[in-house]
């Protein structure tokens, strides 16, 4: 069953120093970020140990957030909780890749 009327925001973080301490710091920051009331649902993940040619396990932490629509995701970008997350955690990563998707 396809979920209707949803905006998916999937972020992949590549850490400056890929170790347990920095991973945990980022995960803790994302747990605070998940409290933003505009987010319908979220998931924090680390790479699964899947070994297939099509799987990219090169990231350190992923953040998946669901919104009702693009306007809510836009509002999230300037939400004080999101801005605080960026301020507190941006020193941890060297690269961030975002995949946003809407229903086809």
C-alpha atoms as a PDB file:
ATOM      1  CA  UNK A   1       0.000   0.000   0.000  1.00  0.00           C
ATOM      2  CA  UNK A   2       1.370   3.413  -0.979  1.00  0.00           C
ATOM      3  CA  UNK A   3       1.160   6.209   1.565  1.00  0.00           C
ATOM      4  CA  UNK A   4      -0.562   9.207  -0.003  1.00  0.00           C
ATOM      5  CA  UNK A   5       0.171  12.901   0.436  1.00  0.00           C
ATOM      6  CA  UNK A   6       3.588  12.656   2.014  1.00  0.00           C
ATOM      7  CA  UNK A   7       6.917  14.414   1.593  1.00  0.00           C
ATOM      8  CA  UNK A   8       9.958  12.248   2.324  1.00  0.00           C
ATOM      9  CA  UNK A   9      13.221  13.920   3.386  1.00  0.00           C
ATOM     10  CA  UNK A  10      16.152  11.470   3.564  1.00  0.00           C
ATOM     11  CA  UNK A  11      19.524  12.816   4.673  1.00  0.00           C
ATOM     12  CA  UNK A  12      22.827  10.934   4.609  1.00  0.00           C
ATOM     13  CA  UNK A  13      25.650  12.212   6.815  1.00  0.00           C
ATOM     14  CA  UNK A  14      29.333  11.547   6.154  1.00  0.00           C
ATOM     15  CA  UNK A  15      31.308  12.318   9.304  1.00  0.00           C
ATOM     16  CA  UNK A  16      34.651  14.096   9.529  1.00  0.00           C
ATOM     17  CA  UNK A  17      35.787  11.360  11.897  1.00  0.00           C
ATOM     18  CA  UNK A  18      33.884   8.124  11.459  1.00  0.00           C
ATOM     19  CA  UNK A  19      34.028   6.718  14.979  1.00  0.00           C
ATOM     20  CA  UNK A  20      31.618   5.653  17.714  1.00  0.00           C
ATOM     21  CA  UNK A  21      31.847   8.920  19.677  1.00  0.00           C
ATOM     22  CA  UNK A  22      31.029  11.171  16.713  1.00  0.00           C
ATOM     23  CA  UNK A  23      28.317   8.831  15.504  1.00  0.00           C
ATOM     24  CA  UNK A  24      26.717   8.895  18.956  1.00  0.00           C
ATOM     25  CA  UNK A  25      26.939  12.705  19.118  1.00  0.00           C
ATOM     26  CA  UNK A  26      25.144  13.007  15.797  1.00  0.00           C
ATOM     27  CA  UNK A  27      22.515  10.435  16.789  1.00  0.00           C
ATOM     28  CA  UNK A  28      21.842  12.353  20.014  1.00  0.00           C
ATOM     29  CA  UNK A  29      21.472  15.574  18.010  1.00  0.00           C
ATOM     30  CA  UNK A  30      19.037  13.866  15.644  1.00  0.00           C
ATOM     31  CA  UNK A  31      16.987  12.588  18.582  1.00  0.00           C
ATOM     32  CA  UNK A  32      16.544  16.214  19.684  1.00  0.00           C
ATOM     33  CA  UNK A  33      15.693  17.191  16.101  1.00  0.00           C
ATOM     34  CA  UNK A  34      13.008  14.497  15.984  1.00  0.00           C
ATOM     35  CA  UNK A  35      11.080  16.520  18.590  1.00  0.00           C
ATOM     36  CA  UNK A  36      10.224  19.197  16.009  1.00  0.00           C
ATOM     37  CA  UNK A  37       6.415  19.130  16.019  1.00  0.00           C
ATOM     38  CA  UNK A  38       6.069  19.528  12.254  1.00  0.00           C
ATOM     39  CA  UNK A  39       7.690  16.122  11.628  1.00  0.00           C
ATOM     40  CA  UNK A  40       5.086  13.378  11.208  1.00  0.00           C
ATOM     41  CA  UNK A  41       7.536  10.524  11.746  1.00  0.00           C
ATOM     42  CA  UNK A  42      11.293  10.031  11.665  1.00  0.00           C
ATOM     43  CA  UNK A  43      13.974   7.360  11.655  1.00  0.00           C
ATOM     44  CA  UNK A  44      17.659   7.530  12.578  1.00  0.00           C
ATOM     45  CA  UNK A  45      19.828   4.814  11.061  1.00  0.00           C
ATOM     46  CA  UNK A  46      23.318   3.536  10.454  1.00  0.00           C
ATOM     47  CA  UNK A  47      24.369   1.453   7.452  1.00  0.00           C
ATOM     48  CA  UNK A  48      23.039  -2.088   7.407  1.00  0.00           C
ATOM     49  CA  UNK A  49      25.555  -4.821   6.723  1.00  0.00           C
ATOM     50  CA  UNK A  50      24.151  -5.581   3.277  1.00  0.00           C
ATOM     51  CA  UNK A  51      26.609  -6.679   0.614  1.00  0.00           C
ATOM     52  CA  UNK A  52      25.072  -6.125  -2.823  1.00  0.00           C
ATOM     53  CA  UNK A  53      26.409  -4.140  -5.777  1.00  0.00           C
ATOM     54  CA  UNK A  54      23.492  -1.691  -5.673  1.00  0.00           C
ATOM     55  CA  UNK A  55      23.833  -0.875  -1.949  1.00  0.00           C
ATOM     56  CA  UNK A  56      25.834   2.200  -0.919  1.00  0.00           C
ATOM     57  CA  UNK A  57      26.990   1.771   2.691  1.00  0.00           C
ATOM     58  CA  UNK A  58      29.481   4.643   2.574  1.00  0.00           C
ATOM     59  CA  UNK A  59      27.506   7.050   4.788  1.00  0.00           C
ATOM     60  CA  UNK A  60      27.764   7.115   8.592  1.00  0.00           C
ATOM     61  CA  UNK A  61      24.266   8.096   9.743  1.00  0.00           C
ATOM     62  CA  UNK A  62      20.945   8.564   7.967  1.00  0.00           C
ATOM     63  CA  UNK A  63      17.981  10.712   8.943  1.00  0.00           C
ATOM     64  CA  UNK A  64      14.573  10.023   7.438  1.00  0.00           C
ATOM     65  CA  UNK A  65      11.745  12.473   8.125  1.00  0.00           C
ATOM     66  CA  UNK A  66       8.171  12.487   6.859  1.00  0.00           C
ATOM     67  CA  UNK A  67       6.075  15.629   6.343  1.00  0.00           C
ATOM     68  CA  UNK A  68       2.537  16.178   5.087  1.00  0.00           C
ATOM     69  CA  UNK A  69       3.739  18.280   2.151  1.00  0.00           C
ATOM     70  CA  UNK A  70       6.575  20.353   0.704  1.00  0.00           C
ATOM     71  CA  UNK A  71       5.401  23.475   2.522  1.00  0.00           C
ATOM     72  CA  UNK A  72       5.811  21.766   5.896  1.00  0.00           C
ATOM     73  CA  UNK A  73       9.279  20.558   4.915  1.00  0.00           C
ATOM     74  CA  UNK A  74      10.151  24.134   3.915  1.00  0.00           C
ATOM     75  CA  UNK A  75       8.934  25.384   7.304  1.00  0.00           C
ATOM     76  CA  UNK A  76      11.035  22.705   9.023  1.00  0.00           C
ATOM     77  CA  UNK A  77      14.170  24.159   7.417  1.00  0.00           C
ATOM     78  CA  UNK A  78      13.724  27.350   9.476  1.00  0.00           C
ATOM     79  CA  UNK A  79      12.281  25.705  12.598  1.00  0.00           C
ATOM     80  CA  UNK A  80      14.329  26.751  15.663  1.00  0.00           C
ATOM     81  CA  UNK A  81      14.870  23.084  16.583  1.00  0.00           C
ATOM     82  CA  UNK A  82      16.361  22.401  13.132  1.00  0.00           C
ATOM     83  CA  UNK A  83      18.519  25.524  13.246  1.00  0.00           C
ATOM     84  CA  UNK A  84      19.816  24.540  16.699  1.00  0.00           C
ATOM     85  CA  UNK A  85      20.643  21.053  15.407  1.00  0.00           C
ATOM     86  CA  UNK A  86      22.701  22.506  12.547  1.00  0.00           C
ATOM     87  CA  UNK A  87      24.464  24.893  14.947  1.00  0.00           C
ATOM     88  CA  UNK A  88      25.309  22.135  17.447  1.00  0.00           C
ATOM     89  CA  UNK A  89      26.172  19.299  15.056  1.00  0.00           C
ATOM     90  CA  UNK A  90      27.455  20.677  11.743  1.00  0.00           C
ATOM     91  CA  UNK A  91      31.048  20.430  12.929  1.00  0.00           C
ATOM     92  CA  UNK A  92      30.631  16.627  12.946  1.00  0.00           C
ATOM     93  CA  UNK A  93      30.115  16.125   9.217  1.00  0.00           C
ATOM     94  CA  UNK A  94      32.156  16.733   6.083  1.00  0.00           C
ATOM     95  CA  UNK A  95      29.349  16.000   3.647  1.00  0.00           C
ATOM     96  CA  UNK A  96      25.575  15.758   3.623  1.00  0.00           C
ATOM     97  CA  UNK A  97      23.494  14.276   0.795  1.00  0.00           C
ATOM     98  CA  UNK A  98      19.732  14.808   0.715  1.00  0.00           C
ATOM     99  CA  UNK A  99      17.102  12.916  -1.244  1.00  0.00           C
ATOM    100  CA  UNK A 100      13.624  14.467  -1.148  1.00  0.00           C
ATOM    101  CA  UNK A 101      10.670  12.643  -2.676  1.00  0.00           C
ATOM    102  CA  UNK A 102       6.939  13.095  -3.188  1.00  0.00           C
ATOM    103  CA  UNK A 103       4.289  10.646  -4.340  1.00  0.00           C
ATOM    104  CA  UNK A 104       4.454   9.631  -7.984  1.00  0.00           C
END
